Amino acid sequence: MDSQDSSDRRWTVSDYDKIMKIVHADQHLDDQEKNLLKQLQDMLANGTIKRVAG
């Protein structure tokens, strides 16, 4: 059994939107931001984390 609480792997749509707003605030994506966004998108795509209503 996975020791991580499944609620820790869920992001609400509003959480995701907040992250995107912060990332795009300066209208410039540096290499680190691009890498982190790719990791986030990969985790959403493979089900490591799930986007839920809220």
PDB file of N, CA and C in Angstrom:
ATOM      1  N   MET A   1       0.833  -1.186   0.000  1.00  0.00           N
ATOM      2  CA  MET A   1       0.000   0.000   0.000  1.00  0.00           C
ATOM      3  C   MET A   1       0.875   1.246   0.000  1.00  0.00           C
ATOM      4  N   ASP A   2       0.493   2.232  -0.739  1.00  0.00           N
ATOM      5  CA  ASP A   2       1.216   3.491  -0.816  1.00  0.00           C
ATOM      6  C   ASP A   2       1.029   4.257   0.489  1.00  0.00           C
ATOM      7  N   SER A   3       2.136   4.708   1.077  1.00  0.00           N
ATOM      8  CA  SER A   3       2.054   5.401   2.356  1.00  0.00           C
ATOM      9  C   SER A   3       1.607   6.843   2.201  1.00  0.00           C
ATOM     10  N   GLN A   4       1.624   7.367   0.997  1.00  0.00           N
ATOM     11  CA  GLN A   4       1.205   8.742   0.770  1.00  0.00           C
ATOM     12  C   GLN A   4      -0.311   8.798   0.669  1.00  0.00           C
ATOM     13  N   ASP A   5      -0.916   9.702   1.419  1.00  0.00           N
ATOM     14  CA  ASP A   5      -2.360   9.884   1.384  1.00  0.00           C
ATOM     15  C   ASP A   5      -2.782  10.267  -0.035  1.00  0.00           C
ATOM     16  N   SER A   6      -3.814   9.606  -0.566  1.00  0.00           N
ATOM     17  CA  SER A   6      -4.235   9.877  -1.942  1.00  0.00           C
ATOM     18  C   SER A   6      -4.698  11.313  -2.119  1.00  0.00           C
ATOM     19  N   SER A   7      -5.162  11.976  -1.055  1.00  0.00           N
ATOM     20  CA  SER A   7      -5.583  13.370  -1.191  1.00  0.00           C
ATOM     21  C   SER A   7      -4.394  14.284  -1.459  1.00  0.00           C
ATOM     22  N   ASP A   8      -3.173  13.835  -1.114  1.00  0.00           N
ATOM     23  CA  ASP A   8      -1.971  14.612  -1.391  1.00  0.00           C
ATOM     24  C   ASP A   8      -1.647  14.634  -2.879  1.00  0.00           C
ATOM     25  N   ARG A   9      -2.237  13.731  -3.626  1.00  0.00           N
ATOM     26  CA  ARG A   9      -1.944  13.626  -5.062  1.00  0.00           C
ATOM     27  C   ARG A   9      -3.038  14.249  -5.911  1.00  0.00           C
ATOM     28  N   ARG A  10      -3.891  15.057  -5.305  1.00  0.00           N
ATOM     29  CA  ARG A  10      -4.984  15.689  -6.036  1.00  0.00           C
ATOM     30  C   ARG A  10      -4.805  17.199  -6.011  1.00  0.00           C
ATOM     31  N   TRP A  11      -4.938  17.788  -7.174  1.00  0.00           N
ATOM     32  CA  TRP A  11      -4.875  19.245  -7.294  1.00  0.00           C
ATOM     33  C   TRP A  11      -6.217  19.721  -7.794  1.00  0.00           C
ATOM     34  N   THR A  12      -6.733  20.760  -7.166  1.00  0.00           N
ATOM     35  CA  THR A  12      -7.980  21.325  -7.667  1.00  0.00           C
ATOM     36  C   THR A  12      -7.681  22.174  -8.897  1.00  0.00           C
ATOM     37  N   VAL A  13      -8.707  22.410  -9.668  1.00  0.00           N
ATOM     38  CA  VAL A  13      -8.566  23.261 -10.843  1.00  0.00           C
ATOM     39  C   VAL A  13      -8.087  24.646 -10.411  1.00  0.00           C
ATOM     40  N   SER A  14      -8.594  25.148  -9.281  1.00  0.00           N
ATOM     41  CA  SER A  14      -8.172  26.473  -8.821  1.00  0.00           C
ATOM     42  C   SER A  14      -6.701  26.470  -8.402  1.00  0.00           C
ATOM     43  N   ASP A  15      -6.208  25.374  -7.808  1.00  0.00           N
ATOM     44  CA  ASP A  15      -4.779  25.265  -7.487  1.00  0.00           C
ATOM     45  C   ASP A  15      -3.947  25.357  -8.762  1.00  0.00           C
ATOM     46  N   TYR A  16      -4.366  24.611  -9.761  1.00  0.00           N
ATOM     47  CA  TYR A  16      -3.655  24.603 -11.044  1.00  0.00           C
ATOM     48  C   TYR A  16      -3.664  26.002 -11.667  1.00  0.00           C
ATOM     49  N   ASP A  17      -4.839  26.647 -11.639  1.00  0.00           N
ATOM     50  CA  ASP A  17      -4.957  27.990 -12.211  1.00  0.00           C
ATOM     51  C   ASP A  17      -4.061  28.992 -11.478  1.00  0.00           C
ATOM     52  N   LYS A  18      -3.946  28.867 -10.156  1.00  0.00           N
ATOM     53  CA  LYS A  18      -3.075  29.752  -9.381  1.00  0.00           C
ATOM     54  C   LYS A  18      -1.619  29.588  -9.806  1.00  0.00           C
ATOM     55  N   ILE A  19      -1.203  28.345  -9.978  1.00  0.00           N
ATOM     56  CA  ILE A  19       0.174  28.075 -10.418  1.00  0.00           C
ATOM     57  C   ILE A  19       0.415  28.701 -11.789  1.00  0.00           C
ATOM     58  N   MET A  20      -0.519  28.512 -12.716  1.00  0.00           N
ATOM     59  CA  MET A  20      -0.351  29.053 -14.056  1.00  0.00           C
ATOM     60  C   MET A  20      -0.297  30.585 -14.031  1.00  0.00           C
ATOM     61  N   LYS A  21      -1.103  31.200 -13.193  1.00  0.00           N
ATOM     62  CA  LYS A  21      -1.104  32.659 -13.086  1.00  0.00           C
ATOM     63  C   LYS A  21       0.252  33.162 -12.588  1.00  0.00           C
ATOM     64  N   ILE A  22       0.809  32.489 -11.587  1.00  0.00           N
ATOM     65  CA  ILE A  22       2.118  32.868 -11.042  1.00  0.00           C
ATOM     66  C   ILE A  22       3.204  32.688 -12.100  1.00  0.00           C
ATOM     67  N   VAL A  23       3.169  31.551 -12.777  1.00  0.00           N
ATOM     68  CA  VAL A  23       4.184  31.247 -13.778  1.00  0.00           C
ATOM     69  C   VAL A  23       4.188  32.281 -14.899  1.00  0.00           C
ATOM     70  N   HIS A  24       3.018  32.704 -15.312  1.00  0.00           N
ATOM     71  CA  HIS A  24       2.913  33.610 -16.451  1.00  0.00           C
ATOM     72  C   HIS A  24       2.900  35.089 -16.062  1.00  0.00           C
ATOM     73  N   ALA A  25       3.012  35.401 -14.778  1.00  0.00           N
ATOM     74  CA  ALA A  25       2.916  36.786 -14.305  1.00  0.00           C
ATOM     75  C   ALA A  25       3.948  37.700 -14.956  1.00  0.00           C
ATOM     76  N   ASP A  26       5.172  37.226 -15.113  1.00  0.00           N
ATOM     77  CA  ASP A  26       6.214  38.075 -15.696  1.00  0.00           C
ATOM     78  C   ASP A  26       6.310  37.931 -17.214  1.00  0.00           C
ATOM     79  N   GLN A  27       5.428  37.140 -17.795  1.00  0.00           N
ATOM     80  CA  GLN A  27       5.363  36.910 -19.242  1.00  0.00           C
ATOM     81  C   GLN A  27       6.677  36.389 -19.821  1.00  0.00           C
ATOM     82  N   HIS A  28       7.426  35.677 -19.003  1.00  0.00           N
ATOM     83  CA  HIS A  28       8.675  35.064 -19.455  1.00  0.00           C
ATOM     84  C   HIS A  28       8.850  33.732 -18.735  1.00  0.00           C
ATOM     85  N   LEU A  29       9.012  32.660 -19.493  1.00  0.00           N
ATOM     86  CA  LEU A  29       9.263  31.343 -18.918  1.00  0.00           C
ATOM     87  C   LEU A  29      10.746  31.024 -19.056  1.00  0.00           C
ATOM     88  N   ASP A  30      11.426  30.936 -17.922  1.00  0.00           N
ATOM     89  CA  ASP A  30      12.834  30.558 -17.990  1.00  0.00           C
ATOM     90  C   ASP A  30      12.948  29.043 -18.037  1.00  0.00           C
ATOM     91  N   ASP A  31      14.163  28.543 -18.193  1.00  0.00           N
ATOM     92  CA  ASP A  31      14.374  27.093 -18.346  1.00  0.00           C
ATOM     93  C   ASP A  31      13.886  26.307 -17.131  1.00  0.00           C
ATOM     94  N   GLN A  32      14.098  26.834 -15.932  1.00  0.00           N
ATOM     95  CA  GLN A  32      13.656  26.126 -14.730  1.00  0.00           C
ATOM     96  C   GLN A  32      12.126  26.036 -14.693  1.00  0.00           C
ATOM     97  N   GLU A  33      11.446  27.130 -15.011  1.00  0.00           N
ATOM     98  CA  GLU A  33       9.987  27.108 -15.032  1.00  0.00           C
ATOM     99  C   GLU A  33       9.473  26.131 -16.087  1.00  0.00           C
ATOM    100  N   LYS A  34      10.078  26.128 -17.241  1.00  0.00           N
ATOM    101  CA  LYS A  34       9.674  25.191 -18.292  1.00  0.00           C
ATOM    102  C   LYS A  34       9.834  23.747 -17.840  1.00  0.00           C
ATOM    103  N   ASN A  35      10.959  23.456 -17.172  1.00  0.00           N
ATOM    104  CA  ASN A  35      11.216  22.107 -16.686  1.00  0.00           C
ATOM    105  C   ASN A  35      10.180  21.700 -15.638  1.00  0.00           C
ATOM    106  N   LEU A  36       9.892  22.595 -14.701  1.00  0.00           N
ATOM    107  CA  LEU A  36       8.914  22.276 -13.659  1.00  0.00           C
ATOM    108  C   LEU A  36       7.509  22.111 -14.233  1.00  0.00           C
ATOM    109  N   LEU A  37       7.150  22.946 -15.195  1.00  0.00           N
ATOM    110  CA  LEU A  37       5.842  22.797 -15.836  1.00  0.00           C
ATOM    111  C   LEU A  37       5.739  21.481 -16.595  1.00  0.00           C
ATOM    112  N   LYS A  38       6.826  21.082 -17.252  1.00  0.00           N
ATOM    113  CA  LYS A  38       6.824  19.793 -17.946  1.00  0.00           C
ATOM    114  C   LYS A  38       6.634  18.650 -16.951  1.00  0.00           C
ATOM    115  N   GLN A  39       7.315  18.727 -15.805  1.00  0.00           N
ATOM    116  CA  GLN A  39       7.155  17.699 -14.779  1.00  0.00           C
ATOM    117  C   GLN A  39       5.714  17.652 -14.284  1.00  0.00           C
ATOM    118  N   LEU A  40       5.111  18.823 -14.049  1.00  0.00           N
ATOM    119  CA  LEU A  40       3.722  18.879 -13.615  1.00  0.00           C
ATOM    120  C   LEU A  40       2.807  18.254 -14.663  1.00  0.00           C
ATOM    121  N   GLN A  41       2.992  18.638 -15.929  1.00  0.00           N
ATOM    122  CA  GLN A  41       2.164  18.086 -17.000  1.00  0.00           C
ATOM    123  C   GLN A  41       2.345  16.571 -17.126  1.00  0.00           C
ATOM    124  N   ASP A  42       3.580  16.101 -16.972  1.00  0.00           N
ATOM    125  CA  ASP A  42       3.850  14.657 -17.023  1.00  0.00           C
ATOM    126  C   ASP A  42       3.131  13.928 -15.891  1.00  0.00           C
ATOM    127  N   MET A  43       3.163  14.501 -14.687  1.00  0.00           N
ATOM    128  CA  MET A  43       2.494  13.863 -13.545  1.00  0.00           C
ATOM    129  C   MET A  43       0.983  13.857 -13.726  1.00  0.00           C
ATOM    130  N   LEU A  44       0.435  14.912 -14.303  1.00  0.00           N
ATOM    131  CA  LEU A  44      -1.000  14.920 -14.604  1.00  0.00           C
ATOM    132  C   LEU A  44      -1.326  13.885 -15.675  1.00  0.00           C
ATOM    133  N   ALA A  45      -0.482  13.791 -16.699  1.00  0.00           N
ATOM    134  CA  ALA A  45      -0.730  12.863 -17.804  1.00  0.00           C
ATOM    135  C   ALA A  45      -0.637  11.404 -17.379  1.00  0.00           C
ATOM    136  N   ASN A  46       0.312  11.094 -16.487  1.00  0.00           N
ATOM    137  CA  ASN A  46       0.483   9.683 -16.108  1.00  0.00           C
ATOM    138  C   ASN A  46      -0.297   9.290 -14.858  1.00  0.00           C
ATOM    139  N   GLY A  47      -1.059  10.233 -14.295  1.00  0.00           N
ATOM    140  CA  GLY A  47      -1.925   9.909 -13.166  1.00  0.00           C
ATOM    141  C   GLY A  47      -1.261   9.981 -11.806  1.00  0.00           C
ATOM    142  N   THR A  48       0.001  10.415 -11.736  1.00  0.00           N
ATOM    143  CA  THR A  48       0.659  10.568 -10.446  1.00  0.00           C
ATOM    144  C   THR A  48      -0.109  11.546  -9.580  1.00  0.00           C
ATOM    145  N   ILE A  49      -0.559  12.617 -10.200  1.00  0.00           N
ATOM    146  CA  ILE A  49      -1.478  13.545  -9.531  1.00  0.00           C
ATOM    147  C   ILE A  49      -2.688  13.712 -10.423  1.00  0.00           C
ATOM    148  N   LYS A  50      -3.802  14.049  -9.812  1.00  0.00           N
ATOM    149  CA  LYS A  50      -5.049  14.197 -10.551  1.00  0.00           C
ATOM    150  C   LYS A  50      -5.608  15.586 -10.319  1.00  0.00           C
ATOM    151  N   ARG A  51      -6.169  16.157 -11.372  1.00  0.00           N
ATOM    152  CA  ARG A  51      -6.839  17.447 -11.265  1.00  0.00           C
ATOM    153  C   ARG A  51      -8.313  17.161 -10.948  1.00  0.00           C
ATOM    154  N   VAL A  52      -8.811  17.777  -9.885  1.00  0.00           N
ATOM    155  CA  VAL A  52     -10.195  17.567  -9.457  1.00  0.00           C
ATOM    156  C   VAL A  52     -10.919  18.906  -9.393  1.00  0.00           C
ATOM    157  N   ALA A  53     -12.236  18.849  -9.377  1.00  0.00           N
ATOM    158  CA  ALA A  53     -13.036  20.078  -9.291  1.00  0.00           C
ATOM    159  C   ALA A  53     -12.730  20.806  -7.990  1.00  0.00           C
ATOM    160  N   GLY A  54     -12.847  22.106  -8.070  1.00  0.00           N
ATOM    161  CA  GLY A  54     -12.654  22.883  -6.837  1.00  0.00           C
ATOM    162  C   GLY A  54     -11.912  24.140  -7.044  1.00  0.00           C
TER     163      GLY A  54
END
